[in-house]
Amino acid sequence: FFFSSRRRHTRSSLVSWARRCVQETGINAEYMGQFKDRTQSEKVSTLKGQTICCINIGGECSMKGVVGIVVLAIALMGLCGPVMANPPIVPPVQYEQFCEAHKVSGTGIIDVSTSVIDKKIALEYFNTMNGDGDLELDQETAYSQNADKLRRNVSSVNGGNESALNLIQNTKLTYAGETPLTGGKLLNSKAFYGGIGANVQELYSVNEMEQDQTAFFSSTTPYEPANGVKPEDLPGMLKSAGRDTALVEDLMTADNGVYNPAHLIGLETKNSFNGTWGTDATWHKIFYKDIKAHEMFTGVFEAEKTIKFHENPVPERIRA
């Protein structure tokens, strides 16, 4: 599973967003300061591990004073009505798509970046890498506001069966070089635009790495729901379906028979590396939920990891 490729001493790679976040074989002091209170660290030279993180919902709040009473009253009024839940977003009629696929093999300076920002489907995606060494890269990035058109199999989604997605990136990468390959990936479901407020981030600075990774995102209703249902009618129908999971699944299945798992955001990765590699995953909802998961490893490691945030697309009514 490890590396066999020639190396050469070369000049430093170009400065980028990832380089500012990651320096040489570690994360800089400002970044690490965010995690100074963490008690766990990894000090072994080799590791084989598997981490799976699938997260849903929870939280609490307390307030004092006159202002607190007013805020509490408003909050209690909210509890008597629909919660700030996020039904799946109705895709625009004039939908848009983007696809990029490439295979690269060679030795030299590496400067690769991709970003997708779409307020209509609450998506923010950034991916970048810089280095100077031997590289083999096989990567596909596909994005579609019409999820019915982007059908892929992801092992941790829908039992591994074909699912409708708004974004997917598949990456197979091998790198070796005296100059570290530094990079990062950020996938964000933007709450302000109708997403669930969850994000997944990856950062690395490695002299050697082999990686097989899939990043995925879904936030919209089917573009053409089954049984002649209009996408604009789906949020209300999902609310009426309530706890009837079979009915919810039927409503979120497109006319082409493919299930749409919105809202969904996640990352599956298998890595073998020499250097520093880590992930951060957060899910925040104001007043009642804050979830954080952090991992960072420096040394020679093998890691297999799945991070997935999913929210049932059915708003619920909670009574005080």
C-alpha atoms as a PDB file:
ATOM      1  CA  PHE A   1       0.000   0.000   0.000  1.00  0.00           C
ATOM      2  CA  PHE A   2       3.041   2.264   0.433  1.00  0.00           C
ATOM      3  CA  PHE A   3       5.177   4.217  -1.928  1.00  0.00           C
ATOM      4  CA  SER A   4       7.682   3.510  -4.649  1.00  0.00           C
ATOM      5  CA  SER A   5       8.631   6.508  -6.781  1.00  0.00           C
ATOM      6  CA  ARG A   6      11.736   8.529  -7.494  1.00  0.00           C
ATOM      7  CA  ARG A   7      12.344  11.751  -5.580  1.00  0.00           C
ATOM      8  CA  ARG A   8      14.301  14.864  -6.356  1.00  0.00           C
ATOM      9  CA  HIS A   9      15.290  17.970  -4.446  1.00  0.00           C
ATOM     10  CA  THR A  10      13.340  20.916  -5.832  1.00  0.00           C
ATOM     11  CA  ARG A  11      12.322  24.454  -4.999  1.00  0.00           C
ATOM     12  CA  SER A  12       9.342  25.382  -2.812  1.00  0.00           C
ATOM     13  CA  SER A  13       5.836  25.187  -4.219  1.00  0.00           C
ATOM     14  CA  LEU A  14       3.539  28.121  -4.821  1.00  0.00           C
ATOM     15  CA  VAL A  15       1.874  29.876  -1.891  1.00  0.00           C
ATOM     16  CA  SER A  16      -1.873  29.251  -1.616  1.00  0.00           C
ATOM     17  CA  TRP A  17      -4.734  29.120   0.848  1.00  0.00           C
ATOM     18  CA  ALA A  18      -3.702  25.629   1.854  1.00  0.00           C
ATOM     19  CA  ARG A  19      -0.070  26.676   2.331  1.00  0.00           C
ATOM     20  CA  ARG A  20      -1.191  29.390   4.728  1.00  0.00           C
ATOM     21  CA  CYS A  21      -3.150  26.813   6.713  1.00  0.00           C
ATOM     22  CA  VAL A  22      -0.519  24.106   6.644  1.00  0.00           C
ATOM     23  CA  GLN A  23       3.236  24.601   6.950  1.00  0.00           C
ATOM     24  CA  GLU A  24       5.787  21.965   5.995  1.00  0.00           C
ATOM     25  CA  THR A  25       4.867  18.763   7.903  1.00  0.00           C
ATOM     26  CA  GLY A  26       2.461  20.336  10.423  1.00  0.00           C
ATOM     27  CA  ILE A  27      -0.324  22.817  10.969  1.00  0.00           C
ATOM     28  CA  ASN A  28       0.741  26.308  12.051  1.00  0.00           C
ATOM     29  CA  ALA A  29       0.517  27.602  15.613  1.00  0.00           C
ATOM     30  CA  GLU A  30      -2.549  29.745  14.988  1.00  0.00           C
ATOM     31  CA  TYR A  31      -4.500  26.775  13.683  1.00  0.00           C
ATOM     32  CA  MET A  32      -3.297  24.427  16.402  1.00  0.00           C
ATOM     33  CA  GLY A  33      -4.164  27.026  19.049  1.00  0.00           C
ATOM     34  CA  GLN A  34      -7.818  26.345  18.367  1.00  0.00           C
ATOM     35  CA  PHE A  35      -7.289  22.871  19.753  1.00  0.00           C
ATOM     36  CA  LYS A  36      -4.925  23.612  22.667  1.00  0.00           C
ATOM     37  CA  ASP A  37      -7.387  22.237  25.192  1.00  0.00           C
ATOM     38  CA  ARG A  38      -7.520  18.813  23.610  1.00  0.00           C
ATOM     39  CA  THR A  39      -6.020  16.107  25.786  1.00  0.00           C
ATOM     40  CA  GLN A  40      -5.510  13.311  23.285  1.00  0.00           C
ATOM     41  CA  SER A  41      -2.481  13.071  21.007  1.00  0.00           C
ATOM     42  CA  GLU A  42      -0.936  10.420  18.829  1.00  0.00           C
ATOM     43  CA  LYS A  43       2.799   9.794  19.411  1.00  0.00           C
ATOM     44  CA  VAL A  44       3.310   6.405  17.801  1.00  0.00           C
ATOM     45  CA  SER A  45       5.202   6.093  14.552  1.00  0.00           C
ATOM     46  CA  THR A  46       2.675   3.869  12.773  1.00  0.00           C
ATOM     47  CA  LEU A  47      -1.058   3.321  13.060  1.00  0.00           C
ATOM     48  CA  LYS A  48      -3.815   1.398  11.345  1.00  0.00           C
ATOM     49  CA  GLY A  49      -7.247   2.748  12.185  1.00  0.00           C
ATOM     50  CA  GLN A  50     -10.826   3.088  11.071  1.00  0.00           C
ATOM     51  CA  THR A  51     -13.130   5.875  12.228  1.00  0.00           C
ATOM     52  CA  ILE A  52     -16.801   6.224  11.418  1.00  0.00           C
ATOM     53  CA  CYS A  53     -18.769   9.313  12.466  1.00  0.00           C
ATOM     54  CA  CYS A  54     -22.489   9.639  11.664  1.00  0.00           C
ATOM     55  CA  ILE A  55     -24.204  12.502  13.477  1.00  0.00           C
ATOM     56  CA  ASN A  56     -27.761  13.743  14.008  1.00  0.00           C
ATOM     57  CA  ILE A  57     -29.398  16.255  16.477  1.00  0.00           C
ATOM     58  CA  GLY A  58     -29.493  17.768  20.114  1.00  0.00           C
ATOM     59  CA  GLY A  59     -28.817  20.810  22.438  1.00  0.00           C
ATOM     60  CA  GLU A  60     -29.957  23.077  25.306  1.00  0.00           C
ATOM     61  CA  CYS A  61     -29.902  26.759  26.463  1.00  0.00           C
ATOM     62  CA  SER A  62     -30.283  28.871  29.614  1.00  0.00           C
ATOM     63  CA  MET A  63     -30.774  32.683  29.993  1.00  0.00           C
ATOM     64  CA  LYS A  64     -30.900  35.350  32.709  1.00  0.00           C
ATOM     65  CA  GLY A  65     -32.218  38.919  33.041  1.00  0.00           C
ATOM     66  CA  VAL A  66     -34.926  40.897  31.315  1.00  0.00           C
ATOM     67  CA  VAL A  67     -33.404  40.464  27.872  1.00  0.00           C
ATOM     68  CA  GLY A  68     -33.090  36.752  28.570  1.00  0.00           C
ATOM     69  CA  ILE A  69     -36.794  36.582  29.468  1.00  0.00           C
ATOM     70  CA  VAL A  70     -37.760  38.233  26.180  1.00  0.00           C
ATOM     71  CA  VAL A  71     -35.524  35.887  24.218  1.00  0.00           C
ATOM     72  CA  LEU A  72     -36.880  32.897  26.141  1.00  0.00           C
ATOM     73  CA  ALA A  73     -40.458  33.950  25.399  1.00  0.00           C
ATOM     74  CA  ILE A  74     -39.670  34.157  21.704  1.00  0.00           C
ATOM     75  CA  ALA A  75     -37.953  30.790  21.852  1.00  0.00           C
ATOM     76  CA  LEU A  76     -40.964  29.203  23.575  1.00  0.00           C
ATOM     77  CA  MET A  77     -43.241  30.669  20.908  1.00  0.00           C
ATOM     78  CA  GLY A  78     -41.022  28.987  18.364  1.00  0.00           C
ATOM     79  CA  LEU A  79     -41.305  25.677  20.199  1.00  0.00           C
ATOM     80  CA  CYS A  80     -45.070  25.811  19.830  1.00  0.00           C
ATOM     81  CA  GLY A  81     -44.703  26.067  16.056  1.00  0.00           C
ATOM     82  CA  PRO A  82     -42.482  24.494  13.445  1.00  0.00           C
ATOM     83  CA  VAL A  83     -38.845  24.166  14.467  1.00  0.00           C
ATOM     84  CA  MET A  84     -36.174  25.870  12.358  1.00  0.00           C
ATOM     85  CA  ALA A  85     -35.867  22.663  10.403  1.00  0.00           C
ATOM     86  CA  ASN A  86     -34.637  22.654   6.834  1.00  0.00           C
ATOM     87  CA  PRO A  87     -36.828  20.953   4.250  1.00  0.00           C
ATOM     88  CA  PRO A  88     -34.961  20.020   1.060  1.00  0.00           C
ATOM     89  CA  ILE A  89     -34.422  22.958  -1.287  1.00  0.00           C
ATOM     90  CA  VAL A  90     -36.516  23.141  -4.447  1.00  0.00           C
ATOM     91  CA  PRO A  91     -34.061  23.216  -7.387  1.00  0.00           C
ATOM     92  CA  PRO A  92     -34.310  26.030  -9.939  1.00  0.00           C
ATOM     93  CA  VAL A  93     -36.160  25.290 -13.181  1.00  0.00           C
ATOM     94  CA  GLN A  94     -33.175  26.443 -15.248  1.00  0.00           C
ATOM     95  CA  TYR A  95     -30.686  24.192 -13.484  1.00  0.00           C
ATOM     96  CA  GLU A  96     -26.915  24.368 -13.910  1.00  0.00           C
ATOM     97  CA  GLN A  97     -24.185  21.721 -14.022  1.00  0.00           C
ATOM     98  CA  PHE A  98     -20.391  21.454 -13.945  1.00  0.00           C
ATOM     99  CA  CYS A  99     -18.108  18.468 -14.531  1.00  0.00           C
ATOM    100  CA  GLU A 100     -14.329  18.083 -14.574  1.00  0.00           C
ATOM    101  CA  ALA A 101     -12.383  14.830 -14.869  1.00  0.00           C
ATOM    102  CA  HIS A 102      -8.639  14.408 -15.317  1.00  0.00           C
ATOM    103  CA  LYS A 103      -5.788  11.929 -15.040  1.00  0.00           C
ATOM    104  CA  VAL A 104      -2.304  13.322 -14.416  1.00  0.00           C
ATOM    105  CA  SER A 105       1.060  11.573 -13.983  1.00  0.00           C
ATOM    106  CA  GLY A 106       4.450  13.269 -13.790  1.00  0.00           C
ATOM    107  CA  THR A 107       7.132  15.098 -11.815  1.00  0.00           C
ATOM    108  CA  GLY A 108       7.251  18.826 -11.105  1.00  0.00           C
ATOM    109  CA  ILE A 109       5.343  21.718  -9.576  1.00  0.00           C
ATOM    110  CA  ILE A 110       1.720  21.013  -8.614  1.00  0.00           C
ATOM    111  CA  ASP A 111      -0.932  23.721  -8.243  1.00  0.00           C
ATOM    112  CA  VAL A 112      -4.525  22.426  -8.321  1.00  0.00           C
ATOM    113  CA  SER A 113      -7.686  24.053  -6.985  1.00  0.00           C
ATOM    114  CA  THR A 114     -11.463  23.743  -7.420  1.00  0.00           C
ATOM    115  CA  SER A 115     -14.240  25.776  -5.809  1.00  0.00           C
ATOM    116  CA  VAL A 116     -18.022  25.595  -6.136  1.00  0.00           C
ATOM    117  CA  ILE A 117     -20.256  28.150  -4.399  1.00  0.00           C
ATOM    118  CA  ASP A 118     -23.999  27.981  -5.032  1.00  0.00           C
ATOM    119  CA  LYS A 119     -26.344  29.939  -2.775  1.00  0.00           C
ATOM    120  CA  LYS A 120     -29.412  28.443  -4.468  1.00  0.00           C
ATOM    121  CA  ILE A 121     -28.618  24.985  -3.057  1.00  0.00           C
ATOM    122  CA  ALA A 122     -26.657  26.147   0.059  1.00  0.00           C
ATOM    123  CA  LEU A 123     -23.370  24.677  -1.186  1.00  0.00           C
ATOM    124  CA  GLU A 124     -19.818  25.840  -0.520  1.00  0.00           C
ATOM    125  CA  TYR A 125     -16.953  23.632  -1.705  1.00  0.00           C
ATOM    126  CA  PHE A 126     -13.203  24.326  -1.844  1.00  0.00           C
ATOM    127  CA  ASN A 127     -10.394  21.937  -2.735  1.00  0.00           C
ATOM    128  CA  THR A 128      -6.726  22.849  -3.247  1.00  0.00           C
ATOM    129  CA  MET A 129      -3.259  21.265  -3.274  1.00  0.00           C
ATOM    130  CA  ASN A 130       0.286  22.492  -3.912  1.00  0.00           C
ATOM    131  CA  GLY A 131       3.574  20.624  -4.033  1.00  0.00           C
ATOM    132  CA  ASP A 132       6.713  19.777  -6.003  1.00  0.00           C
ATOM    133  CA  GLY A 133       7.399  16.097  -6.575  1.00  0.00           C
ATOM    134  CA  ASP A 134       6.104  12.914  -8.198  1.00  0.00           C
ATOM    135  CA  LEU A 135       2.329  12.847  -8.661  1.00  0.00           C
ATOM    136  CA  GLU A 136      -0.315  10.498  -9.984  1.00  0.00           C
ATOM    137  CA  LEU A 137      -3.846  11.928  -9.842  1.00  0.00           C
ATOM    138  CA  ASP A 138      -7.156  10.527 -11.091  1.00  0.00           C
ATOM    139  CA  GLN A 139     -10.004  12.866 -10.124  1.00  0.00           C
ATOM    140  CA  GLU A 140     -13.634  13.535 -11.070  1.00  0.00           C
ATOM    141  CA  THR A 141     -15.670  16.521  -9.845  1.00  0.00           C
ATOM    142  CA  ALA A 142     -19.357  16.710 -10.761  1.00  0.00           C
ATOM    143  CA  TYR A 143     -21.965  19.268  -9.664  1.00  0.00           C
ATOM    144  CA  SER A 144     -25.621  19.599 -10.624  1.00  0.00           C
ATOM    145  CA  GLN A 145     -28.495  21.669  -9.259  1.00  0.00           C
ATOM    146  CA  ASN A 146     -30.695  18.924 -10.700  1.00  0.00           C
ATOM    147  CA  ALA A 147     -29.770  15.951  -8.500  1.00  0.00           C
ATOM    148  CA  ASP A 148     -31.731  13.561 -10.750  1.00  0.00           C
ATOM    149  CA  LYS A 149     -28.945  13.986 -13.332  1.00  0.00           C
ATOM    150  CA  LEU A 150     -26.079  13.165 -10.956  1.00  0.00           C
ATOM    151  CA  ARG A 151     -26.468   9.544  -9.855  1.00  0.00           C
ATOM    152  CA  ARG A 152     -23.628   7.797  -8.046  1.00  0.00           C
ATOM    153  CA  ASN A 153     -22.985   4.900  -5.657  1.00  0.00           C
ATOM    154  CA  VAL A 154     -21.493   5.869  -2.281  1.00  0.00           C
ATOM    155  CA  SER A 155     -20.894   2.989   0.143  1.00  0.00           C
ATOM    156  CA  SER A 156     -22.185   4.822   3.258  1.00  0.00           C
ATOM    157  CA  VAL A 157     -25.278   6.317   1.552  1.00  0.00           C
ATOM    158  CA  ASN A 158     -28.556   4.529   0.793  1.00  0.00           C
ATOM    159  CA  GLY A 159     -27.032   1.126   1.531  1.00  0.00           C
ATOM    160  CA  GLY A 160     -24.469   1.632  -1.221  1.00  0.00           C
ATOM    161  CA  ASN A 161     -27.198   1.815  -3.862  1.00  0.00           C
ATOM    162  CA  GLU A 162     -27.363   4.542  -6.490  1.00  0.00           C
ATOM    163  CA  SER A 163     -28.294   7.946  -5.021  1.00  0.00           C
ATOM    164  CA  ALA A 164     -29.101  11.376  -6.460  1.00  0.00           C
ATOM    165  CA  LEU A 165     -26.513  13.995  -5.421  1.00  0.00           C
ATOM    166  CA  ASN A 166     -25.792  17.656  -6.035  1.00  0.00           C
ATOM    167  CA  LEU A 167     -22.005  17.289  -5.733  1.00  0.00           C
ATOM    168  CA  ILE A 168     -19.511  14.449  -5.733  1.00  0.00           C
ATOM    169  CA  GLN A 169     -15.734  14.368  -6.010  1.00  0.00           C
ATOM    170  CA  ASN A 170     -13.820  11.096  -6.403  1.00  0.00           C
ATOM    171  CA  THR A 171     -10.040  11.285  -5.928  1.00  0.00           C
ATOM    172  CA  LYS A 172      -7.270   8.716  -6.276  1.00  0.00           C
ATOM    173  CA  LEU A 173      -3.867  10.229  -5.545  1.00  0.00           C
ATOM    174  CA  THR A 174      -0.241   9.149  -5.051  1.00  0.00           C
ATOM    175  CA  TYR A 175       2.502  11.646  -4.154  1.00  0.00           C
ATOM    176  CA  ALA A 176       6.164  11.563  -3.119  1.00  0.00           C
ATOM    177  CA  GLY A 177       8.559  14.514  -2.887  1.00  0.00           C
ATOM    178  CA  GLU A 178      11.137  16.390  -0.814  1.00  0.00           C
ATOM    179  CA  THR A 179       8.766  19.355  -0.828  1.00  0.00           C
ATOM    180  CA  PRO A 180       5.576  18.515   1.076  1.00  0.00           C
ATOM    181  CA  LEU A 181       2.282  18.329  -0.752  1.00  0.00           C
ATOM    182  CA  THR A 182       0.052  20.740   1.167  1.00  0.00           C
ATOM    183  CA  GLY A 183      -3.665  21.014   0.645  1.00  0.00           C
ATOM    184  CA  GLY A 184      -7.125  21.172   2.049  1.00  0.00           C
ATOM    185  CA  LYS A 185     -10.771  20.492   1.341  1.00  0.00           C
ATOM    186  CA  LEU A 186     -13.868  22.222   2.760  1.00  0.00           C
ATOM    187  CA  LEU A 187     -17.451  21.060   2.185  1.00  0.00           C
ATOM    188  CA  ASN A 188     -20.115  23.269   3.771  1.00  0.00           C
ATOM    189  CA  SER A 189     -23.928  23.135   3.884  1.00  0.00           C
ATOM    190  CA  LYS A 190     -24.612  26.840   4.441  1.00  0.00           C
ATOM    191  CA  ALA A 191     -27.448  27.355   6.953  1.00  0.00           C
ATOM    192  CA  PHE A 192     -28.079  30.955   5.864  1.00  0.00           C
ATOM    193  CA  TYR A 193     -29.121  29.742   2.411  1.00  0.00           C
ATOM    194  CA  GLY A 194     -31.241  26.791   3.547  1.00  0.00           C
ATOM    195  CA  GLY A 195     -28.584  24.191   4.372  1.00  0.00           C
ATOM    196  CA  ILE A 196     -28.148  22.414   7.695  1.00  0.00           C
ATOM    197  CA  GLY A 197     -25.114  24.332   8.990  1.00  0.00           C
ATOM    198  CA  ALA A 198     -22.710  21.377   8.838  1.00  0.00           C
ATOM    199  CA  ASN A 199     -19.233  21.316   7.351  1.00  0.00           C
ATOM    200  CA  VAL A 200     -16.375  18.856   6.831  1.00  0.00           C
ATOM    201  CA  GLN A 201     -12.758  19.957   6.430  1.00  0.00           C
ATOM    202  CA  GLU A 202      -9.557  18.091   5.538  1.00  0.00           C
ATOM    203  CA  LEU A 203      -5.999  19.488   5.845  1.00  0.00           C
ATOM    204  CA  TYR A 204      -2.653  17.846   5.075  1.00  0.00           C
ATOM    205  CA  SER A 205       1.055  18.449   4.547  1.00  0.00           C
ATOM    206  CA  VAL A 206       2.796  15.241   3.494  1.00  0.00           C
ATOM    207  CA  ASN A 207       6.007  14.077   1.848  1.00  0.00           C
ATOM    208  CA  GLU A 208       4.343  10.821   0.793  1.00  0.00           C
ATOM    209  CA  MET A 209       0.667   9.942   0.450  1.00  0.00           C
ATOM    210  CA  GLU A 210      -1.676   7.474  -1.204  1.00  0.00           C
ATOM    211  CA  GLN A 211      -5.355   8.419  -1.037  1.00  0.00           C
ATOM    212  CA  ASP A 212      -8.699   7.063  -2.232  1.00  0.00           C
ATOM    213  CA  GLN A 213     -11.426   9.550  -1.315  1.00  0.00           C
ATOM    214  CA  THR A 214     -15.061  10.476  -2.043  1.00  0.00           C
ATOM    215  CA  ALA A 215     -16.727  13.745  -0.980  1.00  0.00           C
ATOM    216  CA  PHE A 216     -20.503  14.083  -1.447  1.00  0.00           C
ATOM    217  CA  PHE A 217     -23.358  16.567  -0.910  1.00  0.00           C
ATOM    218  CA  SER A 218     -27.129  16.662  -1.410  1.00  0.00           C
ATOM    219  CA  SER A 219     -29.621  19.387  -0.459  1.00  0.00           C
ATOM    220  CA  THR A 220     -32.428  19.530  -3.052  1.00  0.00           C
ATOM    221  CA  THR A 221     -35.691  17.774  -3.713  1.00  0.00           C
ATOM    222  CA  PRO A 222     -35.961  15.526  -6.768  1.00  0.00           C
ATOM    223  CA  TYR A 223     -36.237  17.683  -9.902  1.00  0.00           C
ATOM    224  CA  GLU A 224     -38.974  15.383 -11.206  1.00  0.00           C
ATOM    225  CA  PRO A 225     -40.647  13.613  -8.239  1.00  0.00           C
ATOM    226  CA  ALA A 226     -42.548  10.389  -8.866  1.00  0.00           C
ATOM    227  CA  ASN A 227     -46.295  10.180  -9.432  1.00  0.00           C
ATOM    228  CA  GLY A 228     -46.556  13.622 -11.029  1.00  0.00           C
ATOM    229  CA  VAL A 229     -45.840  15.513  -7.793  1.00  0.00           C
ATOM    230  CA  LYS A 230     -44.430  19.039  -8.211  1.00  0.00           C
ATOM    231  CA  PRO A 231     -41.124  19.814  -6.437  1.00  0.00           C
ATOM    232  CA  GLU A 232     -42.715  22.970  -4.984  1.00  0.00           C
ATOM    233  CA  ASP A 233     -45.340  20.803  -3.205  1.00  0.00           C
ATOM    234  CA  LEU A 234     -42.820  18.395  -1.650  1.00  0.00           C
ATOM    235  CA  PRO A 235     -41.910  20.381   1.534  1.00  0.00           C
ATOM    236  CA  GLY A 236     -45.560  20.480   2.619  1.00  0.00           C
ATOM    237  CA  MET A 237     -46.096  16.832   1.723  1.00  0.00           C
ATOM    238  CA  LEU A 238     -42.991  15.801   3.662  1.00  0.00           C
ATOM    239  CA  LYS A 239     -44.249  17.674   6.718  1.00  0.00           C
ATOM    240  CA  SER A 240     -47.592  15.863   6.463  1.00  0.00           C
ATOM    241  CA  ALA A 241     -45.777  12.508   6.110  1.00  0.00           C
ATOM    242  CA  GLY A 242     -44.220  12.987   9.553  1.00  0.00           C
ATOM    243  CA  ARG A 243     -42.863   9.714  10.942  1.00  0.00           C
ATOM    244  CA  ASP A 244     -44.060   7.635   7.997  1.00  0.00           C
ATOM    245  CA  THR A 245     -40.531   6.839   6.788  1.00  0.00           C
ATOM    246  CA  ALA A 246     -41.752   4.725   3.878  1.00  0.00           C
ATOM    247  CA  LEU A 247     -43.832   7.633   2.573  1.00  0.00           C
ATOM    248  CA  VAL A 248     -40.917  10.056   3.066  1.00  0.00           C
ATOM    249  CA  GLU A 249     -38.659   7.742   1.062  1.00  0.00           C
ATOM    250  CA  ASP A 250     -41.254   7.536  -1.713  1.00  0.00           C
ATOM    251  CA  LEU A 251     -41.568  11.327  -1.829  1.00  0.00           C
ATOM    252  CA  MET A 252     -37.764  11.734  -2.015  1.00  0.00           C
ATOM    253  CA  THR A 253     -37.491   9.227  -4.878  1.00  0.00           C
ATOM    254  CA  ALA A 254     -37.387  10.766  -8.348  1.00  0.00           C
ATOM    255  CA  ASP A 255     -39.467   9.682 -11.320  1.00  0.00           C
ATOM    256  CA  ASN A 256     -36.411   7.785 -12.604  1.00  0.00           C
ATOM    257  CA  GLY A 257     -36.538   5.580  -9.470  1.00  0.00           C
ATOM    258  CA  VAL A 258     -33.385   6.996  -7.817  1.00  0.00           C
ATOM    259  CA  TYR A 259     -33.550   7.999  -4.136  1.00  0.00           C
ATOM    260  CA  ASN A 260     -32.464  11.486  -3.079  1.00  0.00           C
ATOM    261  CA  PRO A 261     -30.873  11.502   0.447  1.00  0.00           C
ATOM    262  CA  ALA A 262     -31.069  15.283   1.138  1.00  0.00           C
ATOM    263  CA  HIS A 263     -29.981  16.839   3.436  1.00  0.00           C
ATOM    264  CA  LEU A 264     -26.597  15.076   3.306  1.00  0.00           C
ATOM    265  CA  ILE A 265     -22.929  16.039   3.536  1.00  0.00           C
ATOM    266  CA  GLY A 266     -19.976  13.690   3.999  1.00  0.00           C
ATOM    267  CA  LEU A 267     -16.523  12.336   3.264  1.00  0.00           C
ATOM    268  CA  GLU A 268     -15.151   8.809   2.844  1.00  0.00           C
ATOM    269  CA  THR A 269     -11.368   8.426   2.728  1.00  0.00           C
ATOM    270  CA  LYS A 270      -8.604   5.823   2.859  1.00  0.00           C
ATOM    271  CA  ASN A 271      -5.118   7.266   3.396  1.00  0.00           C
ATOM    272  CA  SER A 272      -1.551   6.085   3.797  1.00  0.00           C
ATOM    273  CA  PHE A 273       0.834   8.970   4.458  1.00  0.00           C
ATOM    274  CA  ASN A 274       4.099  10.289   5.876  1.00  0.00           C
ATOM    275  CA  GLY A 275       3.556  13.776   7.266  1.00  0.00           C
ATOM    276  CA  THR A 276       0.561  15.533   8.824  1.00  0.00           C
ATOM    277  CA  TRP A 277      -3.068  14.818   7.961  1.00  0.00           C
ATOM    278  CA  GLY A 278      -6.316  15.609   9.773  1.00  0.00           C
ATOM    279  CA  THR A 279     -10.020  16.376   9.592  1.00  0.00           C
ATOM    280  CA  ASP A 280     -12.494  18.651  11.345  1.00  0.00           C
ATOM    281  CA  ALA A 281     -16.259  18.218  11.228  1.00  0.00           C
ATOM    282  CA  THR A 282     -18.775  20.589  12.820  1.00  0.00           C
ATOM    283  CA  TRP A 283     -22.537  20.959  12.967  1.00  0.00           C
ATOM    284  CA  HIS A 284     -23.954  24.065  14.645  1.00  0.00           C
ATOM    285  CA  LYS A 285     -27.518  25.288  15.078  1.00  0.00           C
ATOM    286  CA  ILE A 286     -27.995  28.440  17.094  1.00  0.00           C
ATOM    287  CA  PHE A 287     -29.335  28.022  20.651  1.00  0.00           C
ATOM    288  CA  TYR A 288     -29.540  24.238  20.678  1.00  0.00           C
ATOM    289  CA  LYS A 289     -26.805  22.266  18.926  1.00  0.00           C
ATOM    290  CA  ASP A 290     -23.020  22.331  18.546  1.00  0.00           C
ATOM    291  CA  ILE A 291     -21.170  19.189  17.403  1.00  0.00           C
ATOM    292  CA  LYS A 292     -17.425  19.046  16.730  1.00  0.00           C
ATOM    293  CA  ALA A 293     -15.127  16.180  15.736  1.00  0.00           C
ATOM    294  CA  HIS A 294     -11.366  16.718  15.294  1.00  0.00           C
ATOM    295  CA  GLU A 295      -8.468  14.427  14.360  1.00  0.00           C
ATOM    296  CA  MET A 296      -4.879  15.285  13.467  1.00  0.00           C
ATOM    297  CA  PHE A 297      -1.961  12.866  12.981  1.00  0.00           C
ATOM    298  CA  THR A 298       1.740  13.537  12.346  1.00  0.00           C
ATOM    299  CA  GLY A 299       4.073  10.670  11.439  1.00  0.00           C
ATOM    300  CA  VAL A 300       3.646   7.563   9.297  1.00  0.00           C
ATOM    301  CA  PHE A 301       0.038   6.390   9.348  1.00  0.00           C
ATOM    302  CA  GLU A 302      -2.694   4.462   7.598  1.00  0.00           C
ATOM    303  CA  ALA A 303      -6.240   5.685   8.186  1.00  0.00           C
ATOM    304  CA  GLU A 304      -9.723   4.818   6.968  1.00  0.00           C
ATOM    305  CA  LYS A 305     -12.482   7.261   7.862  1.00  0.00           C
ATOM    306  CA  THR A 306     -16.114   8.108   7.138  1.00  0.00           C
ATOM    307  CA  ILE A 307     -17.769  11.372   8.218  1.00  0.00           C
ATOM    308  CA  LYS A 308     -21.429  11.904   7.395  1.00  0.00           C
ATOM    309  CA  PHE A 309     -24.029  14.461   8.495  1.00  0.00           C
ATOM    310  CA  HIS A 310     -27.639  13.725   7.585  1.00  0.00           C
ATOM    311  CA  GLU A 311     -30.877  15.473   8.515  1.00  0.00           C
ATOM    312  CA  ASN A 312     -34.284  13.950   7.882  1.00  0.00           C
ATOM    313  CA  PRO A 313     -36.049  16.293   5.422  1.00  0.00           C
ATOM    314  CA  VAL A 314     -39.243  16.417   7.524  1.00  0.00           C
ATOM    315  CA  PRO A 315     -39.911  19.492   9.713  1.00  0.00           C
ATOM    316  CA  GLU A 316     -41.479  18.573  13.051  1.00  0.00           C
ATOM    317  CA  ARG A 317     -43.658  20.372  15.595  1.00  0.00           C
ATOM    318  CA  ILE A 318     -42.331  20.338  19.159  1.00  0.00           C
ATOM    319  CA  ARG A 319     -44.648  21.351  22.017  1.00  0.00           C
ATOM    320  CA  ALA A 320     -43.367  23.271  25.062  1.00  0.00           C
END
